[in-house]
Amino acid sequence: FYSSVGWYNSENNTRIILGFFFLIWANDTLAYLVGIAIGKNKLFERISPKKTWEGFFGGLIFSLLISFVLTELLSMKWNYNFSVFLGILLYLGGVCGDLFESSLKRMASVKDSSGMIPGIGGVLDTMDSLLVNAPLFYFIVNFYKKYEGLL
């Protein structure tokens, strides 16, 4: 993963990997905070009772903002259209990963996937976005490297 994505345009861009981690964890955190602050309408109550539509759209907006900021701060060599595409896709991938992990917990009739990190819901809750987004990010960046002019 690192060797393929981290070497972008023949240049070691560790910042791509760091930006990826920052983006997915910031998205998850900011969607949670927006949902706590103003959330009223449940997204998928049966699967994840605390998720709200307000948190979903708040997280999406922050995902786009963070994508732009990271593109600028980390001096990425891709354009802003790609930043929008990447921000939206990784956000949706994170939400899907979170809902999938929540559905597994519901099927197993457990509230938390472990007690190692109290209050967070377990180790899987910190990694669910990563499980979906790591392969997605790998394919997106490699696609962009190959077909740079399309986005």
Protein backbone atom coordinates (compact mmCIF):
# COMPACT_ATOMS: atom_id res chain seq x y z
CA PHE A 1 0.00 0.00 0.00
CA TYR A 2 2.61 2.54 1.07
CA SER A 3 5.02 1.76 -1.74
CA SER A 4 2.36 2.19 -4.40
CA VAL A 5 0.57 5.22 -3.04
CA GLY A 6 3.44 6.90 -1.21
CA TRP A 7 5.56 7.15 -4.33
CA TYR A 8 3.53 9.55 -6.40
CA ASN A 9 5.16 11.10 -9.47
CA SER A 10 8.48 9.44 -8.56
CA GLU A 11 8.62 11.39 -5.34
CA ASN A 12 8.28 9.98 -1.84
CA ASN A 13 5.09 11.61 -0.61
CA THR A 14 4.59 10.41 2.92
CA ARG A 15 2.24 13.36 3.24
CA ILE A 16 -0.27 11.55 1.00
CA ILE A 17 -0.53 8.74 3.54
CA LEU A 18 -0.64 11.13 6.51
CA GLY A 19 -3.26 13.25 4.75
CA PHE A 20 -5.33 10.12 4.10
CA PHE A 21 -5.34 9.16 7.79
CA PHE A 22 -6.07 12.71 8.90
CA LEU A 23 -8.94 13.03 6.42
CA ILE A 24 -10.77 9.84 7.38
CA TRP A 25 -10.40 10.33 11.13
CA ALA A 26 -11.30 14.03 10.99
CA ASN A 27 -14.37 13.19 8.88
CA ASP A 28 -15.55 10.63 11.41
CA THR A 29 -14.94 12.97 14.35
CA LEU A 30 -16.55 16.03 12.77
CA ALA A 31 -19.62 14.09 11.61
CA TYR A 32 -19.99 12.83 15.17
CA LEU A 33 -19.66 16.34 16.64
CA VAL A 34 -22.16 17.86 14.18
CA GLY A 35 -24.58 15.00 14.89
CA ILE A 36 -24.26 15.51 18.66
CA ALA A 37 -24.69 19.29 18.32
CA ILE A 38 -27.66 19.52 15.94
CA GLY A 39 -28.70 15.98 15.01
CA LYS A 40 -32.38 15.14 15.26
CA ASN A 41 -33.26 12.94 12.27
CA LYS A 42 -31.98 9.36 12.50
CA LEU A 43 -30.01 8.02 9.53
CA PHE A 44 -30.38 4.23 10.00
CA GLU A 45 -31.75 3.83 13.51
CA ARG A 46 -31.98 0.04 13.34
CA ILE A 47 -28.29 -0.30 12.45
CA SER A 48 -26.72 2.67 14.20
CA PRO A 49 -29.17 4.46 16.51
CA LYS A 50 -27.03 7.54 17.18
CA LYS A 51 -26.25 8.45 13.56
CA THR A 52 -28.23 11.37 12.16
CA TRP A 53 -28.75 12.95 8.75
CA GLU A 54 -27.45 16.24 10.14
CA GLY A 55 -24.23 14.52 11.20
CA PHE A 56 -24.00 12.85 7.81
CA PHE A 57 -24.28 16.10 5.84
CA GLY A 58 -22.15 18.03 8.33
CA GLY A 59 -19.44 15.40 7.97
CA LEU A 60 -19.70 15.59 4.18
CA ILE A 61 -19.26 19.38 4.20
CA PHE A 62 -16.27 19.13 6.53
CA SER A 63 -14.83 16.36 4.37
CA LEU A 64 -14.82 18.67 1.36
CA LEU A 65 -13.28 21.52 3.37
CA ILE A 66 -10.60 19.27 4.80
CA SER A 67 -9.81 17.87 1.34
CA PHE A 68 -9.22 21.41 0.03
CA VAL A 69 -7.11 22.39 3.03
CA LEU A 70 -5.01 19.23 2.84
CA THR A 71 -4.47 19.68 -0.89
CA GLU A 72 -3.15 23.17 -0.22
CA LEU A 73 -1.21 22.50 3.01
CA LEU A 74 0.40 19.30 1.83
CA SER A 75 1.17 20.70 -1.64
CA MET A 76 -0.54 17.82 -3.41
CA LYS A 77 0.08 17.56 -7.11
CA TRP A 78 -3.54 16.95 -7.99
CA ASN A 79 -6.24 19.44 -8.89
CA TYR A 80 -9.20 20.60 -6.80
CA ASN A 81 -11.68 18.51 -8.80
CA PHE A 82 -9.79 15.45 -7.63
CA SER A 83 -9.86 16.79 -4.06
CA VAL A 84 -13.66 17.06 -4.21
CA PHE A 85 -13.94 13.58 -5.70
CA LEU A 86 -11.56 12.14 -3.10
CA GLY A 87 -13.25 13.92 -0.18
CA ILE A 88 -16.72 12.71 -1.15
CA LEU A 89 -15.67 9.15 -1.95
CA LEU A 90 -13.62 8.66 1.21
CA TYR A 91 -16.37 10.15 3.33
CA LEU A 92 -18.98 7.82 1.82
CA GLY A 93 -16.56 4.90 2.21
CA GLY A 94 -16.14 5.77 5.88
CA VAL A 95 -19.88 5.95 6.47
CA CYS A 96 -20.37 2.61 4.70
CA GLY A 97 -17.59 1.02 6.77
CA ASP A 98 -19.09 2.37 9.97
CA LEU A 99 -22.59 1.15 9.12
CA PHE A 100 -21.25 -2.26 8.09
CA GLU A 101 -19.35 -2.61 11.35
CA SER A 102 -22.42 -1.47 13.32
CA SER A 103 -24.57 -4.05 11.53
CA LEU A 104 -22.07 -6.78 12.45
CA LYS A 105 -22.28 -5.72 16.09
CA ARG A 106 -26.10 -5.75 15.95
CA MET A 107 -26.10 -9.25 14.43
CA ALA A 108 -23.76 -10.43 17.21
CA SER A 109 -25.89 -8.62 19.84
CA VAL A 110 -22.97 -6.67 21.27
CA LYS A 111 -22.81 -2.97 21.99
CA ASP A 112 -19.05 -2.56 21.68
CA SER A 113 -16.58 -4.57 19.64
CA SER A 114 -14.21 -4.58 22.63
CA GLY A 115 -13.61 -2.86 25.93
CA MET A 116 -10.00 -1.90 25.16
CA ILE A 117 -10.83 1.75 24.50
CA PRO A 118 -13.64 2.76 26.88
CA GLY A 119 -16.31 5.07 25.48
CA ILE A 120 -15.35 4.59 21.84
CA GLY A 121 -17.16 1.34 21.16
CA GLY A 122 -14.10 -0.78 20.64
CA VAL A 123 -11.14 -1.13 18.37
CA LEU A 124 -13.27 -1.73 15.27
CA ASP A 125 -15.00 1.64 15.75
CA THR A 126 -11.66 3.38 15.30
CA MET A 127 -10.75 1.26 12.28
CA ASP A 128 -14.02 0.77 10.37
CA SER A 129 -13.39 3.71 8.04
CA LEU A 130 -9.86 2.53 7.42
CA LEU A 131 -10.95 -0.98 6.46
CA VAL A 132 -13.07 0.33 3.58
CA ASN A 133 -11.05 3.42 2.69
CA ALA A 134 -7.51 1.99 2.50
CA PRO A 135 -8.23 -0.16 -0.58
CA LEU A 136 -10.50 2.54 -2.01
CA PHE A 137 -7.80 5.19 -1.61
CA TYR A 138 -5.20 2.89 -3.16
CA PHE A 139 -7.32 2.39 -6.28
CA ILE A 140 -8.36 6.05 -6.54
CA VAL A 141 -4.81 7.40 -6.33
CA ASN A 142 -3.45 4.79 -8.74
CA PHE A 143 -6.32 5.49 -11.15
CA TYR A 144 -5.54 9.21 -10.93
CA LYS A 145 -1.84 8.56 -11.57
CA LYS A 146 -2.77 6.63 -14.71
CA TYR A 147 -5.59 8.84 -16.02
CA GLU A 148 -4.64 12.22 -14.58
CA GLY A 149 -6.51 14.30 -17.12
CA LEU A 150 -9.92 12.73 -16.49
CA LEU A 151 -10.63 14.50 -13.20
